[in-house]
Amino acid sequence: MAWQDAVFVLRQSRPVVRRHIGAVLNVAGRDRQGRWLAVALIELDPQRDDQYTVAGARYLDDVEVASIERMLKG
């Protein structure tokens, strides 16, 4: 996976699914080729909002993609 795909998911991909739990932010969206990619970020300083570092990224499997698509349909 290219780092550019993770940046694309974070900045340009729509729609995305976001989950923020404590200092961890998970974002899933489609990469530049249309594949679903999940990016995990860690908040650098809890006292300063919106400053994160990428901890990892991975492509979602078929079951995860189906689950996200059901969520997006409502």
N, C-alpha and C. Protein backbone atom coordinates (compact mmCIF):
# COMPACT_ATOMS: atom_id res chain seq x y z
N MET A 1 0.83 -1.16 0.00
CA MET A 1 0.00 0.00 0.00
C MET A 1 0.89 1.24 0.00
N ALA A 2 0.58 2.17 -0.86
CA ALA A 2 1.36 3.41 -0.95
C ALA A 2 0.87 4.41 0.09
N TRP A 3 1.80 5.16 0.65
CA TRP A 3 1.42 6.16 1.66
C TRP A 3 0.47 7.19 1.05
N GLN A 4 0.56 7.40 -0.26
CA GLN A 4 -0.32 8.36 -0.91
C GLN A 4 -1.79 7.93 -0.81
N ASP A 5 -2.03 6.62 -0.77
CA ASP A 5 -3.40 6.13 -0.63
C ASP A 5 -3.96 6.48 0.74
N ALA A 6 -3.14 6.36 1.79
CA ALA A 6 -3.58 6.73 3.13
C ALA A 6 -3.89 8.22 3.19
N VAL A 7 -3.05 9.04 2.61
CA VAL A 7 -3.28 10.49 2.59
C VAL A 7 -4.56 10.80 1.81
N PHE A 8 -4.78 10.12 0.70
CA PHE A 8 -5.99 10.33 -0.09
C PHE A 8 -7.23 10.03 0.74
N VAL A 9 -7.22 8.90 1.46
CA VAL A 9 -8.37 8.53 2.29
C VAL A 9 -8.62 9.60 3.34
N LEU A 10 -7.56 10.12 3.96
CA LEU A 10 -7.72 11.11 5.03
C LEU A 10 -8.17 12.47 4.51
N ARG A 11 -7.75 12.85 3.33
CA ARG A 11 -8.02 14.21 2.86
C ARG A 11 -9.10 14.34 1.79
N GLN A 12 -9.27 13.31 0.96
CA GLN A 12 -10.15 13.50 -0.20
C GLN A 12 -11.26 12.47 -0.35
N SER A 13 -11.10 11.30 0.19
CA SER A 13 -12.08 10.23 -0.03
C SER A 13 -13.43 10.60 0.60
N ARG A 14 -14.50 10.35 -0.15
CA ARG A 14 -15.86 10.55 0.34
C ARG A 14 -16.73 9.46 -0.26
N PRO A 15 -17.61 8.84 0.50
CA PRO A 15 -17.79 9.03 1.93
C PRO A 15 -16.72 8.29 2.71
N VAL A 16 -16.56 8.66 3.97
CA VAL A 16 -15.67 7.95 4.87
C VAL A 16 -16.44 7.58 6.13
N VAL A 17 -15.94 6.58 6.82
CA VAL A 17 -16.48 6.18 8.11
C VAL A 17 -15.41 6.49 9.14
N ARG A 18 -15.78 7.28 10.15
CA ARG A 18 -14.82 7.68 11.19
C ARG A 18 -15.27 7.13 12.53
N ARG A 19 -14.30 6.69 13.32
CA ARG A 19 -14.56 6.23 14.68
C ARG A 19 -13.47 6.80 15.56
N HIS A 20 -13.86 7.59 16.55
CA HIS A 20 -12.91 8.23 17.45
C HIS A 20 -13.16 7.70 18.85
N ILE A 21 -12.20 6.96 19.38
CA ILE A 21 -12.32 6.39 20.73
C ILE A 21 -11.06 6.77 21.49
N GLY A 22 -11.23 7.61 22.51
CA GLY A 22 -10.07 8.06 23.27
C GLY A 22 -9.10 8.80 22.37
N ALA A 23 -7.85 8.35 22.39
CA ALA A 23 -6.80 9.00 21.59
C ALA A 23 -6.65 8.37 20.20
N VAL A 24 -7.52 7.41 19.87
CA VAL A 24 -7.40 6.69 18.60
C VAL A 24 -8.51 7.14 17.64
N LEU A 25 -8.11 7.43 16.41
CA LEU A 25 -9.05 7.77 15.34
C LEU A 25 -8.87 6.76 14.22
N ASN A 26 -9.96 6.10 13.85
CA ASN A 26 -9.96 5.18 12.71
C ASN A 26 -10.80 5.79 11.60
N VAL A 27 -10.24 5.80 10.39
CA VAL A 27 -10.93 6.35 9.23
C VAL A 27 -10.87 5.29 8.12
N ALA A 28 -12.03 4.98 7.56
CA ALA A 28 -12.09 4.05 6.43
C ALA A 28 -12.71 4.78 5.24
N GLY A 29 -12.09 4.62 4.09
CA GLY A 29 -12.59 5.23 2.87
C GLY A 29 -11.97 4.54 1.67
N ARG A 30 -12.40 4.96 0.49
CA ARG A 30 -11.87 4.36 -0.73
C ARG A 30 -10.59 5.06 -1.15
N ASP A 31 -9.60 4.26 -1.59
CA ASP A 31 -8.35 4.84 -2.06
C ASP A 31 -8.51 5.32 -3.51
N ARG A 32 -7.42 5.70 -4.13
CA ARG A 32 -7.46 6.25 -5.49
C ARG A 32 -7.95 5.24 -6.53
N GLN A 33 -7.85 3.94 -6.21
CA GLN A 33 -8.32 2.90 -7.13
C GLN A 33 -9.70 2.37 -6.74
N GLY A 34 -10.30 2.93 -5.70
CA GLY A 34 -11.63 2.52 -5.29
C GLY A 34 -11.67 1.41 -4.26
N ARG A 35 -10.52 0.97 -3.77
CA ARG A 35 -10.48 -0.08 -2.75
C ARG A 35 -10.66 0.54 -1.37
N TRP A 36 -11.35 -0.17 -0.48
CA TRP A 36 -11.56 0.33 0.87
C TRP A 36 -10.30 0.16 1.70
N LEU A 37 -9.86 1.25 2.32
CA LEU A 37 -8.64 1.30 3.12
C LEU A 37 -8.98 1.86 4.49
N ALA A 38 -8.50 1.22 5.54
CA ALA A 38 -8.67 1.73 6.91
C ALA A 38 -7.34 2.30 7.37
N VAL A 39 -7.39 3.51 7.94
CA VAL A 39 -6.20 4.19 8.44
C VAL A 39 -6.40 4.43 9.93
N ALA A 40 -5.43 4.03 10.74
CA ALA A 40 -5.48 4.23 12.19
C ALA A 40 -4.52 5.35 12.57
N LEU A 41 -5.03 6.29 13.38
CA LEU A 41 -4.22 7.43 13.81
C LEU A 41 -4.24 7.53 15.33
N ILE A 42 -3.17 8.06 15.90
CA ILE A 42 -3.07 8.29 17.34
C ILE A 42 -2.93 9.78 17.57
N GLU A 43 -3.73 10.29 18.51
CA GLU A 43 -3.64 11.71 18.85
C GLU A 43 -2.33 11.97 19.58
N LEU A 44 -1.59 12.96 19.13
CA LEU A 44 -0.27 13.24 19.70
C LEU A 44 -0.35 13.84 21.09
N ASP A 45 -1.28 14.76 21.32
CA ASP A 45 -1.39 15.44 22.60
C ASP A 45 -2.87 15.64 22.91
N PRO A 46 -3.39 14.98 23.93
CA PRO A 46 -4.82 15.10 24.24
C PRO A 46 -5.25 16.54 24.55
N GLN A 47 -4.32 17.39 24.92
CA GLN A 47 -4.64 18.78 25.22
C GLN A 47 -4.79 19.63 23.96
N ARG A 48 -4.32 19.13 22.83
CA ARG A 48 -4.37 19.88 21.56
C ARG A 48 -5.10 19.03 20.53
N ASP A 49 -6.29 19.44 20.19
CA ASP A 49 -7.12 18.67 19.24
C ASP A 49 -6.53 18.65 17.84
N ASP A 50 -6.87 17.59 17.13
CA ASP A 50 -6.61 17.46 15.69
C ASP A 50 -5.13 17.40 15.31
N GLN A 51 -4.30 16.86 16.17
CA GLN A 51 -2.91 16.59 15.81
C GLN A 51 -2.68 15.10 15.99
N TYR A 52 -2.51 14.40 14.86
CA TYR A 52 -2.42 12.95 14.87
C TYR A 52 -1.18 12.48 14.12
N THR A 53 -0.79 11.25 14.42
CA THR A 53 0.22 10.57 13.62
C THR A 53 -0.40 9.25 13.13
N VAL A 54 -0.08 8.86 11.92
CA VAL A 54 -0.61 7.62 11.37
C VAL A 54 0.12 6.45 12.02
N ALA A 55 -0.65 5.54 12.59
CA ALA A 55 -0.08 4.36 13.25
C ALA A 55 -0.06 3.16 12.31
N GLY A 56 -0.97 3.13 11.35
CA GLY A 56 -1.01 2.01 10.42
C GLY A 56 -2.16 2.14 9.45
N ALA A 57 -2.15 1.30 8.44
CA ALA A 57 -3.23 1.29 7.45
C ALA A 57 -3.29 -0.11 6.84
N ARG A 58 -4.50 -0.50 6.46
CA ARG A 58 -4.67 -1.81 5.82
C ARG A 58 -5.93 -1.80 4.97
N TYR A 59 -5.92 -2.65 3.95
CA TYR A 59 -7.10 -2.80 3.11
C TYR A 59 -8.11 -3.68 3.84
N LEU A 60 -9.38 -3.34 3.69
CA LEU A 60 -10.44 -4.09 4.34
C LEU A 60 -10.77 -5.35 3.55
N ASP A 61 -11.19 -6.39 4.28
CA ASP A 61 -11.59 -7.62 3.60
C ASP A 61 -13.06 -7.50 3.16
N ASP A 62 -13.53 -8.49 2.43
CA ASP A 62 -14.87 -8.44 1.85
C ASP A 62 -15.97 -8.30 2.90
N VAL A 63 -15.81 -8.96 4.04
CA VAL A 63 -16.82 -8.89 5.10
C VAL A 63 -16.87 -7.48 5.68
N GLU A 64 -15.72 -6.88 5.91
CA GLU A 64 -15.67 -5.51 6.43
C GLU A 64 -16.25 -4.51 5.44
N VAL A 65 -15.94 -4.69 4.17
CA VAL A 65 -16.48 -3.80 3.13
C VAL A 65 -18.01 -3.91 3.09
N ALA A 66 -18.53 -5.12 3.15
CA ALA A 66 -19.99 -5.31 3.13
C ALA A 66 -20.63 -4.63 4.33
N SER A 67 -20.01 -4.72 5.49
CA SER A 67 -20.54 -4.09 6.69
C SER A 67 -20.57 -2.57 6.55
N ILE A 68 -19.50 -1.99 6.05
CA ILE A 68 -19.45 -0.54 5.86
C ILE A 68 -20.49 -0.09 4.83
N GLU A 69 -20.61 -0.83 3.75
CA GLU A 69 -21.59 -0.45 2.73
C GLU A 69 -23.02 -0.51 3.26
N ARG A 70 -23.32 -1.48 4.14
CA ARG A 70 -24.64 -1.53 4.78
C ARG A 70 -24.84 -0.32 5.68
N MET A 71 -23.82 0.06 6.44
CA MET A 71 -23.92 1.24 7.32
C MET A 71 -24.19 2.49 6.51
N LEU A 72 -23.50 2.65 5.40
CA LEU A 72 -23.65 3.85 4.58
C LEU A 72 -25.03 3.94 3.92
N LYS A 73 -25.62 2.79 3.63
CA LYS A 73 -26.96 2.79 3.02
C LYS A 73 -28.04 3.13 4.04
N GLY A 74 -27.72 2.93 5.33
CA GLY A 74 -28.68 3.25 6.39
C GLY A 74 -29.50 2.10 6.72
